[in-house]
């Protein structure tokens, strides 16, 4: 074959081969295929991120509710403890008041006893 015919034949087969291997969008080796694959992956990532955010918000809301319940319980326990302390302080104060009254009575008794002793000593010594 002549050289010109060889070139024509080769160019025809190259065109046929090129037509056969035309990149399809689903072919991951082609640029369009890679772009589509990246876009698909990006959509999956966005979807997964949105699900994580939803899940995180739900978990956070449940945690906040649990914390609020715990705070309510703690406030209730503090209120009960405060009432017990107030009752105990009242009992303690009444005991202190009684003790002070008894001390005053003892002082009066000691003072009276001292006067009686002084009177006896005056009478005895003359």
N, C-alpha and C. Protein backbone atom coordinates (compact mmCIF):
# COMPACT_ATOMS: atom_id res chain seq x y z
N UNK A 1 0.83 -1.18 0.00
CA UNK A 1 0.00 0.00 0.00
C UNK A 1 0.87 1.24 0.00
N UNK A 2 0.26 2.21 -0.57
CA UNK A 2 1.03 3.44 -0.61
C UNK A 2 0.96 4.10 0.76
N UNK A 3 1.83 5.01 0.90
CA UNK A 3 1.90 5.66 2.19
C UNK A 3 0.70 6.54 2.46
N UNK A 4 0.16 7.11 1.46
CA UNK A 4 -1.00 7.96 1.63
C UNK A 4 -2.20 7.12 2.05
N UNK A 5 -2.36 5.95 1.46
CA UNK A 5 -3.47 5.10 1.83
C UNK A 5 -3.30 4.61 3.28
N UNK A 6 -2.08 4.36 3.66
CA UNK A 6 -1.81 3.92 5.03
C UNK A 6 -2.24 5.00 6.01
N UNK A 7 -1.93 6.24 5.67
CA UNK A 7 -2.30 7.35 6.55
C UNK A 7 -3.81 7.47 6.65
N UNK A 8 -4.48 7.32 5.50
CA UNK A 8 -5.94 7.42 5.50
C UNK A 8 -6.55 6.28 6.31
N UNK A 9 -6.06 5.12 6.12
CA UNK A 9 -6.57 3.96 6.84
C UNK A 9 -6.33 4.12 8.33
N UNK A 10 -5.16 4.58 8.69
CA UNK A 10 -4.83 4.77 10.10
C UNK A 10 -5.69 5.86 10.71
N UNK A 11 -5.92 6.92 9.99
CA UNK A 11 -6.74 8.00 10.55
C UNK A 11 -8.18 7.55 10.70
N UNK A 12 -8.66 6.70 9.76
CA UNK A 12 -10.03 6.18 9.88
C UNK A 12 -10.16 5.28 11.10
N UNK A 13 -9.21 4.43 11.32
CA UNK A 13 -9.27 3.53 12.48
C UNK A 13 -9.11 4.30 13.77
N UNK A 14 -8.31 5.34 13.74
CA UNK A 14 -8.14 6.16 14.94
C UNK A 14 -9.45 6.85 15.28
N UNK A 15 -10.15 7.33 14.22
CA UNK A 15 -11.43 7.98 14.45
C UNK A 15 -12.45 6.98 14.98
N UNK A 16 -12.44 5.77 14.39
CA UNK A 16 -13.37 4.74 14.86
C UNK A 16 -13.06 4.37 16.31
N UNK A 17 -11.80 4.23 16.64
CA UNK A 17 -11.39 3.88 17.99
C UNK A 17 -11.76 5.00 18.95
N UNK A 18 -11.53 6.23 18.50
CA UNK A 18 -11.88 7.37 19.35
C UNK A 18 -13.37 7.42 19.57
N UNK A 19 -14.15 7.10 18.56
CA UNK A 19 -15.60 7.10 18.71
C UNK A 19 -16.04 6.01 19.66
N UNK A 20 -15.35 4.87 19.60
CA UNK A 20 -15.71 3.77 20.49
C UNK A 20 -15.34 4.09 21.95
N UNK A 21 -14.25 4.78 22.18
CA UNK A 21 -13.80 5.05 23.55
C UNK A 21 -14.20 6.45 24.01
N UNK A 22 -15.23 6.97 23.40
CA UNK A 22 -15.69 8.29 23.80
C UNK A 22 -16.05 8.22 25.29
N UNK A 23 -15.54 9.16 26.09
CA UNK A 23 -15.78 9.08 27.54
C UNK A 23 -17.26 9.25 27.86
N UNK A 24 -17.74 8.36 28.66
CA UNK A 24 -19.14 8.46 29.09
C UNK A 24 -19.17 9.06 30.49
N UNK A 25 -20.26 9.69 30.86
CA UNK A 25 -20.33 10.31 32.19
C UNK A 25 -20.18 9.31 33.31
N UNK A 26 -20.53 8.05 33.05
CA UNK A 26 -20.42 7.06 34.13
C UNK A 26 -19.04 6.45 34.21
N UNK A 27 -18.21 6.71 33.24
CA UNK A 27 -16.85 6.20 33.23
C UNK A 27 -16.03 7.01 34.24
N UNK A 28 -15.55 6.36 35.29
CA UNK A 28 -14.86 7.08 36.36
C UNK A 28 -13.47 7.54 35.94
N UNK A 29 -13.01 7.08 34.80
CA UNK A 29 -11.69 7.52 34.35
C UNK A 29 -11.77 8.80 33.54
N UNK A 30 -12.95 9.13 33.05
CA UNK A 30 -13.10 10.36 32.28
C UNK A 30 -13.27 11.54 33.24
N UNK A 31 -13.03 12.72 32.74
CA UNK A 31 -13.15 13.93 33.55
C UNK A 31 -14.59 14.11 34.01
N UNK A 32 -15.53 13.95 33.06
CA UNK A 32 -16.94 14.10 33.41
C UNK A 32 -17.34 13.05 34.45
N UNK A 33 -16.85 11.85 34.29
CA UNK A 33 -17.15 10.78 35.24
C UNK A 33 -16.61 11.10 36.63
N UNK A 34 -15.37 11.64 36.66
CA UNK A 34 -14.78 12.00 37.95
C UNK A 34 -15.54 13.15 38.59
N UNK A 35 -15.93 14.13 37.77
CA UNK A 35 -16.69 15.27 38.30
C UNK A 35 -18.01 14.78 38.89
N UNK A 36 -18.69 13.91 38.14
CA UNK A 36 -19.96 13.38 38.63
C UNK A 36 -19.76 12.57 39.90
N UNK A 37 -18.66 11.80 39.94
CA UNK A 37 -18.36 11.01 41.12
C UNK A 37 -18.10 11.91 42.32
N UNK A 38 -17.35 13.00 42.11
CA UNK A 38 -17.07 13.95 43.19
C UNK A 38 -18.35 14.64 43.65
N UNK A 39 -19.19 15.00 42.69
CA UNK A 39 -20.45 15.64 43.05
C UNK A 39 -21.34 14.70 43.85
N UNK A 40 -21.38 13.44 43.42
CA UNK A 40 -22.17 12.44 44.13
C UNK A 40 -21.63 12.27 45.56
N UNK A 41 -20.31 12.21 45.68
CA UNK A 41 -19.69 12.07 46.99
C UNK A 41 -19.99 13.30 47.85
N UNK A 42 -19.95 14.49 47.23
CA UNK A 42 -20.24 15.71 47.98
C UNK A 42 -21.68 15.69 48.50
N UNK A 43 -22.60 15.23 47.68
CA UNK A 43 -24.00 15.14 48.12
C UNK A 43 -24.12 14.16 49.28
N UNK A 44 -23.42 13.05 49.19
CA UNK A 44 -23.45 12.06 50.28
C UNK A 44 -22.87 12.65 51.56
N UNK A 45 -21.76 13.40 51.42
CA UNK A 45 -21.16 14.04 52.59
C UNK A 45 -22.11 15.06 53.21
N UNK A 46 -22.74 15.87 52.37
CA UNK A 46 -23.68 16.86 52.89
C UNK A 46 -24.84 16.18 53.59
N UNK A 47 -25.33 15.11 53.02
CA UNK A 47 -26.44 14.37 53.62
C UNK A 47 -26.01 13.79 54.97
N UNK A 48 -24.82 13.19 55.01
CA UNK A 48 -24.31 12.61 56.25
C UNK A 48 -24.09 13.70 57.30
N UNK A 49 -23.57 14.85 56.87
CA UNK A 49 -23.35 15.95 57.81
C UNK A 49 -24.67 16.45 58.37
N UNK A 50 -25.67 16.59 57.51
CA UNK A 50 -26.98 17.04 57.98
C UNK A 50 -27.55 16.05 58.98
N UNK A 51 -27.40 14.77 58.72
CA UNK A 51 -27.89 13.74 59.65
C UNK A 51 -27.14 13.82 60.98
N UNK A 52 -25.82 14.06 60.93
CA UNK A 52 -25.04 14.18 62.15
C UNK A 52 -25.51 15.39 62.96
N UNK A 53 -25.78 16.50 62.27
CA UNK A 53 -26.24 17.69 62.96
C UNK A 53 -27.60 17.42 63.61
N UNK A 54 -28.51 16.79 62.86
CA UNK A 54 -29.82 16.46 63.43
C UNK A 54 -29.66 15.55 64.64
N UNK A 55 -28.82 14.56 64.50
CA UNK A 55 -28.60 13.61 65.59
C UNK A 55 -27.97 14.33 66.79
N UNK A 56 -27.01 15.19 66.52
CA UNK A 56 -26.35 15.94 67.59
C UNK A 56 -27.32 16.86 68.31
N UNK A 57 -28.19 17.51 67.56
CA UNK A 57 -29.17 18.40 68.17
C UNK A 57 -30.14 17.59 69.03
N UNK A 58 -30.58 16.44 68.52
CA UNK A 58 -31.48 15.60 69.32
C UNK A 58 -30.80 15.14 70.59
N UNK A 59 -29.53 14.71 70.48
CA UNK A 59 -28.80 14.26 71.66
C UNK A 59 -28.60 15.42 72.63
N UNK A 60 -28.31 16.60 72.08
CA UNK A 60 -28.10 17.75 72.94
C UNK A 60 -29.40 18.11 73.65
N UNK A 61 -30.53 18.07 72.94
CA UNK A 61 -31.80 18.37 73.57
C UNK A 61 -32.11 17.38 74.68
N UNK A 62 -31.83 16.11 74.43
CA UNK A 62 -32.06 15.10 75.47
C UNK A 62 -31.15 15.36 76.67
N UNK A 63 -29.90 15.73 76.39
CA UNK A 63 -28.97 16.04 77.47
C UNK A 63 -29.42 17.24 78.28
N UNK A 64 -29.93 18.27 77.59
CA UNK A 64 -30.41 19.46 78.30
C UNK A 64 -31.62 19.10 79.16
N UNK A 65 -32.53 18.30 78.63
CA UNK A 65 -33.69 17.89 79.42
C UNK A 65 -33.27 17.10 80.65
N UNK A 66 -32.32 16.20 80.47
CA UNK A 66 -31.82 15.42 81.61
C UNK A 66 -31.15 16.33 82.64
N UNK A 67 -30.39 17.31 82.14
CA UNK A 67 -29.72 18.23 83.05
C UNK A 67 -30.74 19.08 83.81
N UNK A 68 -31.79 19.54 83.11
CA UNK A 68 -32.82 20.33 83.78
C UNK A 68 -33.52 19.51 84.86
N UNK A 69 -33.78 18.24 84.58
CA UNK A 69 -34.40 17.37 85.59
C UNK A 69 -33.46 17.22 86.78
N UNK A 70 -32.17 17.06 86.52
CA UNK A 70 -31.20 16.95 87.61
C UNK A 70 -31.12 18.22 88.43
N UNK A 71 -31.17 19.36 87.76
CA UNK A 71 -31.13 20.64 88.48
C UNK A 71 -32.38 20.80 89.35
N UNK A 72 -33.54 20.41 88.80
CA UNK A 72 -34.78 20.48 89.60
C UNK A 72 -34.66 19.59 90.84
N UNK A 73 -34.16 18.38 90.66
CA UNK A 73 -34.00 17.47 91.80
C UNK A 73 -33.05 18.07 92.83
N UNK A 74 -31.96 18.65 92.36
CA UNK A 74 -30.98 19.23 93.27
C UNK A 74 -31.59 20.42 94.02
N UNK A 75 -32.34 21.28 93.30
CA UNK A 75 -32.98 22.41 93.96
C UNK A 75 -33.98 21.94 95.01
N UNK A 76 -34.72 20.90 94.70
CA UNK A 76 -35.67 20.34 95.65
C UNK A 76 -34.95 19.81 96.89
N UNK A 77 -33.86 19.09 96.66
CA UNK A 77 -33.08 18.54 97.78
C UNK A 77 -32.49 19.67 98.63
N UNK A 78 -32.04 20.74 97.97
CA UNK A 78 -31.49 21.87 98.71
C UNK A 78 -32.59 22.53 99.56
N UNK A 79 -33.79 22.66 98.99
CA UNK A 79 -34.91 23.23 99.74
C UNK A 79 -35.25 22.39 100.96
N UNK A 80 -35.29 21.08 100.79
CA UNK A 80 -35.58 20.19 101.92
C UNK A 80 -34.50 20.30 102.99
N UNK A 81 -33.24 20.33 102.55
CA UNK A 81 -32.13 20.44 103.50
C UNK A 81 -32.20 21.77 104.24
N UNK A 82 -32.56 22.84 103.51
CA UNK A 82 -32.68 24.15 104.15
C UNK A 82 -33.76 24.14 105.22
N UNK A 83 -34.90 23.47 104.94
CA UNK A 83 -35.97 23.36 105.93
C UNK A 83 -35.49 22.61 107.17
N UNK A 84 -34.76 21.51 106.93
CA UNK A 84 -34.23 20.73 108.07
C UNK A 84 -33.27 21.58 108.89
N UNK A 85 -32.40 22.35 108.21
CA UNK A 85 -31.47 23.21 108.93
C UNK A 85 -32.22 24.29 109.72
N UNK A 86 -33.29 24.84 109.14
CA UNK A 86 -34.08 25.87 109.83
C UNK A 86 -34.73 25.27 111.08
N UNK A 87 -35.28 24.07 110.95
CA UNK A 87 -35.88 23.41 112.10
C UNK A 87 -34.82 23.13 113.17
N UNK A 88 -33.67 22.63 112.72
CA UNK A 88 -32.58 22.35 113.67
C UNK A 88 -32.10 23.62 114.35
N UNK A 89 -32.01 24.71 113.60
CA UNK A 89 -31.58 25.98 114.19
C UNK A 89 -32.60 26.47 115.21
N UNK A 90 -33.88 26.28 114.93
CA UNK A 90 -34.92 26.70 115.87
C UNK A 90 -34.82 25.88 117.16
N UNK A 91 -34.62 24.59 117.04
CA UNK A 91 -34.47 23.73 118.22
C UNK A 91 -33.23 24.13 119.00
N UNK A 92 -32.14 24.39 118.28
CA UNK A 92 -30.88 24.79 118.91
C UNK A 92 -31.08 26.12 119.66
N UNK A 93 -31.78 27.07 119.02
CA UNK A 93 -32.01 28.38 119.64
C UNK A 93 -32.85 28.23 120.91
N UNK A 94 -33.87 27.38 120.87
CA UNK A 94 -34.68 27.19 122.08
C UNK A 94 -33.84 26.57 123.19
N UNK A 95 -32.93 25.66 122.82
CA UNK A 95 -32.04 25.07 123.82
C UNK A 95 -31.09 26.11 124.40
N UNK A 96 -30.57 26.99 123.55
CA UNK A 96 -29.68 28.05 124.02
C UNK A 96 -30.45 29.01 124.92
N UNK A 97 -31.67 29.36 124.54
CA UNK A 97 -32.50 30.26 125.36
C UNK A 97 -32.75 29.65 126.75
N UNK A 98 -33.03 28.36 126.74
CA UNK A 98 -33.26 27.68 128.03
C UNK A 98 -31.99 27.68 128.87
N UNK A 99 -30.85 27.43 128.22
CA UNK A 99 -29.59 27.43 128.94
C UNK A 99 -29.28 28.81 129.53
N UNK A 100 -29.52 29.86 128.74
CA UNK A 100 -29.28 31.23 129.22
C UNK A 100 -30.18 31.53 130.41
N UNK A 101 -31.43 31.09 130.32
CA UNK A 101 -32.36 31.31 131.44
C UNK A 101 -31.88 30.57 132.69
N UNK A 102 -31.41 29.35 132.52
CA UNK A 102 -30.90 28.58 133.65
C UNK A 102 -29.64 29.21 134.24
N UNK A 103 -28.79 29.74 133.37
CA UNK A 103 -27.58 30.41 133.86
C UNK A 103 -27.96 31.64 134.67
N UNK A 104 -28.95 32.40 134.19
CA UNK A 104 -29.40 33.59 134.94
C UNK A 104 -29.97 33.17 136.29
N UNK A 105 -30.74 32.08 136.30
CA UNK A 105 -31.31 31.59 137.57
C UNK A 105 -30.20 31.15 138.51
N UNK A 106 -29.17 30.50 137.98
CA UNK A 106 -28.04 30.06 138.81
C UNK A 106 -27.30 31.27 139.37
N UNK A 107 -27.12 32.32 138.56
CA UNK A 107 -26.44 33.52 139.06
C UNK A 107 -27.22 34.13 140.23
N UNK A 108 -28.53 34.21 140.04
CA UNK A 108 -29.36 34.76 141.11
C UNK A 108 -29.25 33.90 142.36
N UNK A 109 -29.27 32.57 142.13
CA UNK A 109 -29.16 31.65 143.29
C UNK A 109 -27.80 31.81 143.97
N UNK A 110 -26.74 31.95 143.17
CA UNK A 110 -25.39 32.12 143.75
C UNK A 110 -25.31 33.45 144.48
N UNK A 111 -25.87 34.51 143.88
CA UNK A 111 -25.84 35.83 144.53
C UNK A 111 -26.61 35.78 145.85
N UNK A 112 -27.79 35.13 145.86
CA UNK A 112 -28.59 35.01 147.08
C UNK A 112 -27.84 34.18 148.12
N UNK A 113 -27.20 33.09 147.66
CA UNK A 113 -26.44 32.25 148.58
C UNK A 113 -25.26 33.05 149.17
N UNK A 114 -24.63 33.89 148.34
CA UNK A 114 -23.52 34.71 148.84
C UNK A 114 -24.03 35.70 149.89
N UNK A 115 -25.19 36.29 149.65
CA UNK A 115 -25.76 37.23 150.64
C UNK A 115 -26.10 36.50 151.93
N UNK A 116 -26.66 35.28 151.77
CA UNK A 116 -27.00 34.50 152.97
C UNK A 116 -25.73 34.16 153.75
N UNK A 117 -24.67 33.81 153.05
CA UNK A 117 -23.41 33.48 153.71
C UNK A 117 -22.84 34.72 154.42
N UNK A 118 -22.92 35.88 153.74
CA UNK A 118 -22.42 37.11 154.37
C UNK A 118 -23.24 37.44 155.63
N UNK A 119 -24.54 37.24 155.53
CA UNK A 119 -25.40 37.51 156.68
C UNK A 119 -25.06 36.54 157.82
N UNK A 120 -24.83 35.27 157.51
CA UNK A 120 -24.48 34.28 158.53
C UNK A 120 -23.15 34.62 159.17
N UNK A 121 -22.17 35.03 158.33
CA UNK A 121 -20.85 35.36 158.85
C UNK A 121 -20.96 36.58 159.77
N UNK A 122 -21.75 37.58 159.41
CA UNK A 122 -21.94 38.76 160.24
C UNK A 122 -22.60 38.36 161.57
N UNK A 123 -23.55 37.48 161.48
CA UNK A 123 -24.24 37.04 162.69
C UNK A 123 -23.32 36.22 163.56
N UNK A 124 -22.51 35.35 162.94
CA UNK A 124 -21.62 34.47 163.68
C UNK A 124 -20.47 35.28 164.31
N UNK A 125 -19.91 36.19 163.57
CA UNK A 125 -18.77 36.96 164.08
C UNK A 125 -19.23 38.18 164.91
N UNK A 126 -20.37 38.54 164.70
CA UNK A 126 -20.98 39.50 165.48
C UNK A 126 -20.97 40.89 165.25
